[in-house]
């Protein structure tokens, strides 16, 4: 039976354009249609301030990730960087935070897709499950198919967003604004929730083993994708604030378009939201599968998950397992708190990325260490200001995983002695 170490590597097939599109597919996904409501409820009139804070933290994290990925161009992202720069326990913590956070995000994207397609509760879960199975099948057939479908979905999403922005900026403002009640804590909490929407640039780094010329491609792709995403989110936020209160509805873009007198465009917005959710889900499955592969190669997860398909050259066992877990989640959970849960895990993941990048020597550096310090501080602050129930549950899951690993290590050491 093949071991993790016997498995072949992944094929390097992605260029800068494909990597940028995969990152955009993750960042300009369902978040741009759904994240505004909880963020606006937390921030009040400080929504734009929260968005700017989230963007700054995201930029620092992206810079650290790109700097590390250029030196360690293999699957796994911060799981690998933490192991190499800080030690195996830090790497394990990063990998586990990514897997649990992004597995929750997969379920959220599938359920968001279904919510925009139908209002029938049981049918939403069925459609979400169908979406998971279908996109897992696309990923199973190879990363180039993933990139091609992502290109189509991102193009459709950007076209719908362009339509929305034109309608909202060319019609008279409704002169309605979010509540003026705000606080520093509320702004920081909104930034943590908005970070959920920006976190997709990690997908580029986690797929480092499939990128051509990674030392050049990954930093460029991360920077381009994040810059474009930040610009889109700023435009959408300003447009929404011109036409109403994003906190008052779960579908603020559709509500704003309807309120602007363009009810005919509401179905297009719903279609765009559904496609955006599919694009994000597709990229998430690819990214989580690669991190799972890296952890299995190091025996931090069952070695069966380290298998690479001999023909399609993808981590097919990891992706099948992920699809199974997400399928169970979409049939058994709801979306309450899932954004906070995911954000907490991913913020800790990037805190470790920033700490890892801080330790890199001068010849490997592309940004000053101050960027790493700012990113690390921002991640910790945003994580502790998230809704406490989400933070406590995510922290408990991480603690349980660390405890299990400690027990396994102890048993292995006892057996060797």
Protein backbone atom coordinates (compact mmCIF):
# COMPACT_ATOMS: atom_id res chain seq x y z
CA UNK A 1 0.00 0.00 0.00
CA UNK A 2 1.32 3.44 -0.95
CA UNK A 3 2.31 5.76 1.87
CA UNK A 4 2.11 9.50 1.97
CA UNK A 5 5.72 9.76 1.01
CA UNK A 6 5.18 7.55 -2.03
CA UNK A 7 2.53 9.81 -3.53
CA UNK A 8 3.36 11.84 -6.65
CA UNK A 9 3.38 15.61 -6.64
CA UNK A 10 0.70 17.82 -8.14
CA UNK A 11 1.00 19.23 -11.66
CA UNK A 12 2.08 22.87 -12.12
CA UNK A 13 -0.54 24.13 -14.57
CA UNK A 14 -1.69 27.52 -13.28
CA UNK A 15 -0.36 30.86 -14.49
CA UNK A 16 -0.89 34.35 -13.05
CA UNK A 17 -4.28 34.82 -14.71
CA UNK A 18 -5.69 31.53 -13.46
CA UNK A 19 -4.35 32.15 -9.94
CA UNK A 20 -5.88 35.65 -9.87
CA UNK A 21 -9.25 34.29 -10.96
CA UNK A 22 -9.21 31.55 -8.32
CA UNK A 23 -8.46 34.19 -5.69
CA UNK A 24 -11.21 36.48 -6.98
CA UNK A 25 -13.62 33.56 -7.14
CA UNK A 26 -13.01 33.06 -3.43
CA UNK A 27 -13.09 36.72 -2.37
CA UNK A 28 -15.79 38.12 -4.66
CA UNK A 29 -18.15 35.30 -3.80
CA UNK A 30 -21.24 35.06 -1.66
CA UNK A 31 -19.72 37.48 0.84
CA UNK A 32 -20.30 40.47 -1.40
CA UNK A 33 -24.00 39.61 -1.45
CA UNK A 34 -24.50 38.43 2.14
CA UNK A 35 -21.89 39.77 4.58
CA UNK A 36 -23.15 43.35 4.75
CA UNK A 37 -26.15 42.68 6.96
CA UNK A 38 -24.38 41.23 10.04
CA UNK A 39 -21.46 43.64 9.60
CA UNK A 40 -23.77 46.67 9.42
CA UNK A 41 -25.68 45.54 12.52
CA UNK A 42 -22.40 45.40 14.42
CA UNK A 43 -20.87 48.64 13.09
CA UNK A 44 -23.84 50.97 12.68
CA UNK A 45 -22.60 54.07 10.90
CA UNK A 46 -19.02 52.78 11.19
CA UNK A 47 -19.45 50.19 8.43
CA UNK A 48 -16.92 51.79 6.08
CA UNK A 49 -14.39 52.06 8.91
CA UNK A 50 -14.84 48.35 9.59
CA UNK A 51 -14.34 47.59 5.92
CA UNK A 52 -11.12 49.61 5.78
CA UNK A 53 -9.76 47.83 8.87
CA UNK A 54 -10.60 44.44 7.39
CA UNK A 55 -8.89 45.43 4.13
CA UNK A 56 -5.71 46.58 5.90
CA UNK A 57 -5.49 43.35 7.90
CA UNK A 58 -6.18 41.35 4.76
CA UNK A 59 -3.41 43.17 2.89
CA UNK A 60 -0.88 42.44 5.64
CA UNK A 61 -1.92 38.80 5.71
CA UNK A 62 -1.71 38.57 1.93
CA UNK A 63 1.78 40.09 1.93
CA UNK A 64 2.98 37.60 4.55
CA UNK A 65 1.39 34.67 2.72
CA UNK A 66 2.86 35.70 -0.63
CA UNK A 67 6.34 36.15 0.85
CA UNK A 68 6.19 32.69 2.41
CA UNK A 69 4.64 30.99 -0.62
CA UNK A 70 7.45 32.24 -2.84
CA UNK A 71 9.94 30.32 -0.67
CA UNK A 72 7.74 27.28 0.11
CA UNK A 73 5.77 26.67 -3.12
CA UNK A 74 3.98 23.48 -2.02
CA UNK A 75 0.40 22.62 -1.12
CA UNK A 76 -0.71 23.46 2.38
CA UNK A 77 -0.25 27.21 2.85
CA UNK A 78 0.36 28.30 6.45
CA UNK A 79 0.29 24.69 7.63
CA UNK A 80 3.61 24.29 5.81
CA UNK A 81 4.94 27.75 6.70
CA UNK A 82 4.20 27.28 10.40
CA UNK A 83 5.98 23.92 10.45
CA UNK A 84 9.02 25.28 8.63
CA UNK A 85 9.38 28.57 10.51
CA UNK A 86 7.85 28.00 13.97
CA UNK A 87 7.63 24.25 14.56
CA UNK A 88 5.27 21.38 13.86
CA UNK A 89 2.75 22.28 16.57
CA UNK A 90 2.23 25.76 15.14
CA UNK A 91 1.87 24.26 11.69
CA UNK A 92 -0.71 21.79 12.94
CA UNK A 93 -2.69 24.55 14.65
CA UNK A 94 -2.67 26.61 11.44
CA UNK A 95 -3.72 23.68 9.29
CA UNK A 96 -6.51 22.68 11.65
CA UNK A 97 -7.81 26.27 11.88
CA UNK A 98 -7.88 26.46 8.11
CA UNK A 99 -9.61 23.12 7.64
CA UNK A 100 -12.37 23.71 10.21
CA UNK A 101 -12.88 27.35 9.23
CA UNK A 102 -13.05 26.70 5.53
CA UNK A 103 -15.11 23.53 5.85
CA UNK A 104 -17.69 25.70 7.60
CA UNK A 105 -17.32 28.22 4.78
CA UNK A 106 -18.00 25.49 2.21
CA UNK A 107 -21.29 24.71 3.93
CA UNK A 108 -22.10 28.42 4.14
CA UNK A 109 -21.47 28.94 0.43
CA UNK A 110 -23.59 25.94 -0.55
CA UNK A 111 -26.47 27.06 1.66
CA UNK A 112 -26.18 30.66 0.43
CA UNK A 113 -26.42 29.43 -3.16
CA UNK A 114 -29.55 27.46 -2.33
CA UNK A 115 -31.09 30.36 -0.41
CA UNK A 116 -30.92 32.60 -3.48
CA UNK A 117 -32.43 29.90 -5.69
CA UNK A 118 -35.45 28.96 -3.57
CA UNK A 119 -37.22 29.91 -0.35
CA UNK A 120 -38.39 26.35 0.38
CA UNK A 121 -36.43 25.09 3.37
CA UNK A 122 -36.08 21.39 2.55
CA UNK A 123 -35.37 22.13 -1.11
CA UNK A 124 -32.59 24.53 -0.09
CA UNK A 125 -30.75 21.70 1.65
CA UNK A 126 -31.19 19.38 -1.32
CA UNK A 127 -29.87 21.99 -3.76
CA UNK A 128 -26.96 22.76 -1.45
CA UNK A 129 -26.03 19.08 -1.38
CA UNK A 130 -26.29 18.84 -5.17
CA UNK A 131 -23.98 21.86 -5.50
CA UNK A 132 -21.39 20.27 -3.20
CA UNK A 133 -21.42 16.97 -5.12
CA UNK A 134 -21.28 18.66 -8.53
CA UNK A 135 -18.40 21.00 -7.72
CA UNK A 136 -16.46 18.28 -5.91
CA UNK A 137 -16.75 16.29 -9.14
CA UNK A 138 -15.33 19.22 -11.13
CA UNK A 139 -12.38 19.51 -8.74
CA UNK A 140 -11.86 15.76 -8.93
CA UNK A 141 -11.24 16.00 -12.68
CA UNK A 142 -8.27 18.34 -12.35
CA UNK A 143 -7.21 21.85 -11.42
CA UNK A 144 -7.41 23.19 -14.98
CA UNK A 145 -11.13 22.38 -15.05
CA UNK A 146 -11.47 24.16 -11.71
CA UNK A 147 -9.75 27.24 -13.17
CA UNK A 148 -11.91 27.21 -16.32
CA UNK A 149 -15.20 27.00 -14.44
CA UNK A 150 -13.99 29.60 -11.94
CA UNK A 151 -13.25 31.95 -14.85
CA UNK A 152 -16.84 31.60 -16.08
CA UNK A 153 -18.39 32.06 -12.65
CA UNK A 154 -16.21 35.07 -11.76
CA UNK A 155 -17.02 36.73 -15.08
CA UNK A 156 -20.77 36.30 -14.50
CA UNK A 157 -20.48 37.58 -10.92
CA UNK A 158 -18.52 40.67 -11.94
CA UNK A 159 -21.04 41.40 -14.70
CA UNK A 160 -23.91 41.31 -12.21
CA UNK A 161 -22.01 43.49 -9.74
CA UNK A 162 -21.27 45.97 -12.51
CA UNK A 163 -25.00 46.13 -13.29
CA UNK A 164 -25.84 46.67 -9.62
CA UNK A 165 -23.27 49.44 -9.22
CA UNK A 166 -24.42 51.24 -12.36
CA UNK A 167 -28.03 51.14 -11.18
CA UNK A 168 -27.22 52.32 -7.66
CA UNK A 169 -24.82 55.09 -8.69
CA UNK A 170 -27.00 56.44 -11.51
CA UNK A 171 -30.23 56.71 -9.53
CA UNK A 172 -31.05 59.24 -6.85
CA UNK A 173 -30.04 58.38 -3.32
CA UNK A 174 -32.91 57.29 -1.09
CA UNK A 175 -31.39 59.38 1.73
CA UNK A 176 -31.63 56.52 4.19
CA UNK A 177 -28.67 55.73 6.34
CA UNK A 178 -27.60 53.14 8.84
CA UNK A 179 -28.09 53.92 12.49
CA UNK A 180 -25.63 56.45 13.84
CA UNK A 181 -25.13 54.28 16.94
CA UNK A 182 -21.67 52.81 16.80
CA UNK A 183 -18.70 51.93 19.00
CA UNK A 184 -15.09 50.94 18.61
CA UNK A 185 -15.98 47.37 19.61
CA UNK A 186 -18.80 47.27 17.05
CA UNK A 187 -16.52 48.54 14.27
CA UNK A 188 -13.88 45.93 15.13
CA UNK A 189 -16.49 43.18 15.23
CA UNK A 190 -17.77 44.25 11.82
CA UNK A 191 -14.19 44.16 10.53
CA UNK A 192 -13.85 40.59 11.77
CA UNK A 193 -17.08 39.61 10.03
CA UNK A 194 -16.10 41.42 6.82
CA UNK A 195 -12.75 39.61 6.90
CA UNK A 196 -14.73 36.48 6.07
CA UNK A 197 -15.27 37.94 2.61
CA UNK A 198 -11.61 38.84 2.00
CA UNK A 199 -9.99 35.62 3.15
CA UNK A 200 -10.09 33.89 -0.24
CA UNK A 201 -6.61 34.99 -1.31
CA UNK A 202 -5.28 32.08 0.77
CA UNK A 203 -6.52 29.79 -1.97
CA UNK A 204 -3.68 30.95 -4.21
CA UNK A 205 -1.01 30.14 -1.63
CA UNK A 206 -2.51 26.79 -0.63
CA UNK A 207 -2.33 25.73 -4.30
CA UNK A 208 1.36 26.67 -4.55
CA UNK A 209 2.32 23.18 -5.78
CA UNK A 210 0.17 23.69 -8.90
CA UNK A 211 1.38 27.18 -9.88
CA UNK A 212 4.00 27.72 -12.57
CA UNK A 213 7.02 29.80 -11.48
CA UNK A 214 5.59 30.22 -7.95
CA UNK A 215 8.22 32.70 -6.72
CA UNK A 216 6.96 35.16 -9.33
CA UNK A 217 3.36 34.06 -9.86
CA UNK A 218 2.06 33.82 -6.28
CA UNK A 219 3.06 37.31 -5.03
CA UNK A 220 1.71 38.93 -8.21
CA UNK A 221 -1.54 36.96 -8.16
CA UNK A 222 -2.22 37.61 -4.47
CA UNK A 223 -1.59 41.35 -4.83
CA UNK A 224 -3.73 41.72 -7.96
CA UNK A 225 -6.63 39.63 -6.66
CA UNK A 226 -6.77 41.38 -3.29
CA UNK A 227 -6.50 44.88 -4.80
CA UNK A 228 -9.38 44.20 -7.18
CA UNK A 229 -11.50 42.66 -4.43
CA UNK A 230 -10.95 45.60 -2.06
CA UNK A 231 -11.95 48.03 -4.79
CA UNK A 232 -15.14 46.09 -5.49
CA UNK A 233 -16.12 45.90 -1.83
CA UNK A 234 -15.54 49.62 -1.29
CA UNK A 235 -17.73 50.49 -4.28
CA UNK A 236 -20.49 48.14 -3.14
CA UNK A 237 -20.40 49.49 0.43
CA UNK A 238 -20.71 53.10 -0.72
CA UNK A 239 -23.54 52.20 -3.10
CA UNK A 240 -25.46 50.35 -0.39
CA UNK A 241 -25.11 53.21 2.08
CA UNK A 242 -26.49 55.63 -0.53
CA UNK A 243 -29.66 53.58 -0.91
CA UNK A 244 -30.63 52.30 2.50
CA UNK A 245 -29.67 50.41 5.60
CA UNK A 246 -27.74 47.18 4.88
CA UNK A 247 -28.57 45.96 8.39
CA UNK A 248 -32.30 45.82 7.63
CA UNK A 249 -32.29 42.86 5.22
CA UNK A 250 -30.46 39.59 4.61
CA UNK A 251 -30.19 40.44 0.90
CA UNK A 252 -29.11 44.11 0.89
CA UNK A 253 -28.03 44.29 -2.77
CA UNK A 254 -31.36 42.96 -4.02
CA UNK A 255 -33.21 45.28 -1.62
CA UNK A 256 -31.17 48.30 -2.72
CA UNK A 257 -31.78 47.59 -6.41
CA UNK A 258 -35.49 47.15 -5.77
CA UNK A 259 -35.57 50.37 -3.74
CA UNK A 260 -33.79 52.21 -6.56
CA UNK A 261 -36.74 51.48 -8.85
CA UNK A 262 -35.09 48.67 -10.79
CA UNK A 263 -37.17 45.69 -9.66
CA UNK A 264 -36.58 44.11 -13.06
CA UNK A 265 -32.92 43.61 -12.09
CA UNK A 266 -33.63 41.77 -8.82
CA UNK A 267 -33.72 38.33 -10.49
CA UNK A 268 -30.35 39.09 -12.09
CA UNK A 269 -28.94 39.96 -8.65
CA UNK A 270 -30.22 36.67 -7.27
CA UNK A 271 -28.66 34.76 -10.16
CA UNK A 272 -25.39 36.63 -9.60
CA UNK A 273 -25.44 35.75 -5.91
CA UNK A 274 -26.05 32.09 -6.70
CA UNK A 275 -23.19 32.02 -9.22
CA UNK A 276 -20.89 33.85 -6.82
CA UNK A 277 -21.63 31.27 -4.14
CA UNK A 278 -20.81 28.47 -6.55
CA UNK A 279 -17.54 30.16 -7.51
CA UNK A 280 -16.52 30.54 -3.88
CA UNK A 281 -17.50 26.94 -3.09
CA UNK A 282 -15.49 25.64 -6.04
CA UNK A 283 -12.35 27.46 -4.94
CA UNK A 284 -12.87 26.49 -1.30
CA UNK A 285 -13.05 22.78 -2.11
CA UNK A 286 -9.78 23.08 -4.03
CA UNK A 287 -8.01 24.97 -1.23
CA UNK A 288 -9.18 22.82 1.69
CA UNK A 289 -8.34 19.68 -0.26
CA UNK A 290 -4.74 20.84 -0.73
CA UNK A 291 -4.26 21.70 2.95
CA UNK A 292 -5.72 18.33 3.92
CA UNK A 293 -3.26 16.69 1.52
CA UNK A 294 -0.32 18.48 3.15
CA UNK A 295 -1.43 17.52 6.66
CA UNK A 296 -1.90 13.89 5.65
CA UNK A 297 1.57 13.79 4.13
CA UNK A 298 2.94 14.67 7.57
CA UNK A 299 0.69 12.19 9.40
CA UNK A 300 -1.32 14.96 11.06
CA UNK A 301 -4.35 13.47 9.32
CA UNK A 302 -4.91 9.88 8.11
CA UNK A 303 -2.40 8.96 5.39
CA UNK A 304 -5.26 7.81 3.15
CA UNK A 305 -6.01 11.49 2.54
CA UNK A 306 -2.55 12.01 0.98
CA UNK A 307 -3.45 10.10 -2.18
CA UNK A 308 -3.00 11.94 -5.50
CA UNK A 309 -5.00 10.70 -8.47
CA UNK A 310 -2.60 9.13 -11.01
CA UNK A 311 -4.45 10.62 -13.99
CA UNK A 312 -5.98 13.90 -12.82
CA UNK A 313 -3.17 14.70 -10.36
CA UNK A 314 -5.44 16.08 -7.64
CA UNK A 315 -5.80 15.04 -3.96
CA UNK A 316 -8.91 13.03 -4.76
CA UNK A 317 -9.29 11.26 -1.40
CA UNK A 318 -9.07 14.57 0.46
CA UNK A 319 -11.66 16.17 -1.80
CA UNK A 320 -14.03 13.22 -1.49
CA UNK A 321 -13.76 13.29 2.30
CA UNK A 322 -14.34 17.05 2.34
CA UNK A 323 -17.41 16.72 0.14
CA UNK A 324 -18.78 14.11 2.52
CA UNK A 325 -18.31 16.29 5.60
CA UNK A 326 -19.75 19.38 3.91
CA UNK A 327 -22.67 17.32 2.67
CA UNK A 328 -23.49 16.32 6.23
CA UNK A 329 -23.22 19.95 7.37
CA UNK A 330 -25.58 21.35 4.74
CA UNK A 331 -28.17 18.74 5.68
CA UNK A 332 -27.89 19.27 9.43
CA UNK A 333 -26.87 22.87 10.24
CA UNK A 334 -28.00 26.43 9.64
CA UNK A 335 -26.06 29.60 8.88
CA UNK A 336 -26.35 31.29 12.29
CA UNK A 337 -22.89 32.03 13.57
CA UNK A 338 -21.13 30.22 10.74
CA UNK A 339 -19.45 33.40 9.46
CA UNK A 340 -18.09 34.15 12.93
CA UNK A 341 -16.91 30.55 13.37
CA UNK A 342 -15.13 30.60 10.02
CA UNK A 343 -13.61 34.03 10.59
CA UNK A 344 -12.21 33.02 13.98
CA UNK A 345 -10.44 29.98 12.56
CA UNK A 346 -9.08 31.84 9.55
CA UNK A 347 -7.88 34.82 11.60
CA UNK A 348 -5.85 32.48 13.82
CA UNK A 349 -4.53 30.82 10.67
CA UNK A 350 -3.27 34.16 9.38
CA UNK A 351 -1.89 35.15 12.77
CA UNK A 352 0.43 32.15 12.45
CA UNK A 353 1.23 33.15 8.84
CA UNK A 354 2.30 36.61 9.99
CA UNK A 355 4.40 35.18 12.82
CA UNK A 356 6.04 32.79 10.35
CA UNK A 357 6.81 35.57 7.87
CA UNK A 358 8.31 37.67 10.67
CA UNK A 359 11.03 35.01 11.16
CA UNK A 360 12.16 35.00 7.51
CA UNK A 361 15.70 36.29 6.87
CA UNK A 362 16.43 39.42 4.86
CA UNK A 363 17.16 37.57 1.60
CA UNK A 364 13.64 36.08 1.63
CA UNK A 365 11.79 39.26 2.53
CA UNK A 366 9.63 41.27 0.13
CA UNK A 367 7.95 43.49 2.75
CA UNK A 368 9.26 44.99 6.02
CA UNK A 369 8.62 43.17 9.31
CA UNK A 370 6.26 45.97 10.37
CA UNK A 371 3.73 44.52 7.91
CA UNK A 372 3.92 41.14 9.68
CA UNK A 373 3.53 42.77 13.11
CA UNK A 374 0.51 44.79 11.98
CA UNK A 375 -1.07 41.72 10.41
CA UNK A 376 -0.52 39.58 13.52
CA UNK A 377 -1.90 42.25 15.84
CA UNK A 378 -4.90 42.84 13.59
CA UNK A 379 -5.74 39.13 13.41
CA UNK A 380 -5.68 38.70 17.19
CA UNK A 381 -7.74 41.83 17.84
CA UNK A 382 -10.40 40.96 15.27
CA UNK A 383 -10.60 37.35 16.47
CA UNK A 384 -11.33 38.32 20.10
CA UNK A 385 -13.99 40.86 19.08
CA UNK A 386 -16.05 38.36 17.06
CA UNK A 387 -19.40 37.16 18.52
CA UNK A 388 -18.35 35.24 21.62
CA UNK A 389 -20.38 32.10 20.90
CA UNK A 390 -18.64 31.59 17.54
CA UNK A 391 -15.23 32.29 19.04
CA UNK A 392 -15.73 29.92 21.99
CA UNK A 393 -16.94 27.04 19.82
CA UNK A 394 -14.08 27.46 17.34
CA UNK A 395 -11.52 27.71 20.15
CA UNK A 396 -12.94 24.56 21.76
CA UNK A 397 -12.68 22.61 18.49
CA UNK A 398 -9.05 23.72 18.09
CA UNK A 399 -8.23 22.81 21.70
CA UNK A 400 -9.77 19.37 21.23
CA UNK A 401 -7.68 18.76 18.10
CA UNK A 402 -4.49 19.80 19.89
CA UNK A 403 -5.34 17.51 22.81
CA UNK A 404 -5.96 14.55 20.50
CA UNK A 405 -2.66 15.18 18.75
CA UNK A 406 -0.84 15.35 22.09
CA UNK A 407 -2.36 12.01 23.15
CA UNK A 408 -1.42 10.40 19.84
CA UNK A 409 2.13 11.71 20.08
CA UNK A 410 2.40 10.44 23.64
CA UNK A 411 1.21 6.97 22.66
CA UNK A 412 3.61 6.86 19.70
CA UNK A 413 6.54 7.85 21.96
CA UNK A 414 5.55 5.21 24.54
CA UNK A 415 5.34 2.53 21.82
CA UNK A 416 8.84 3.39 20.54
CA UNK A 417 10.29 3.19 24.03
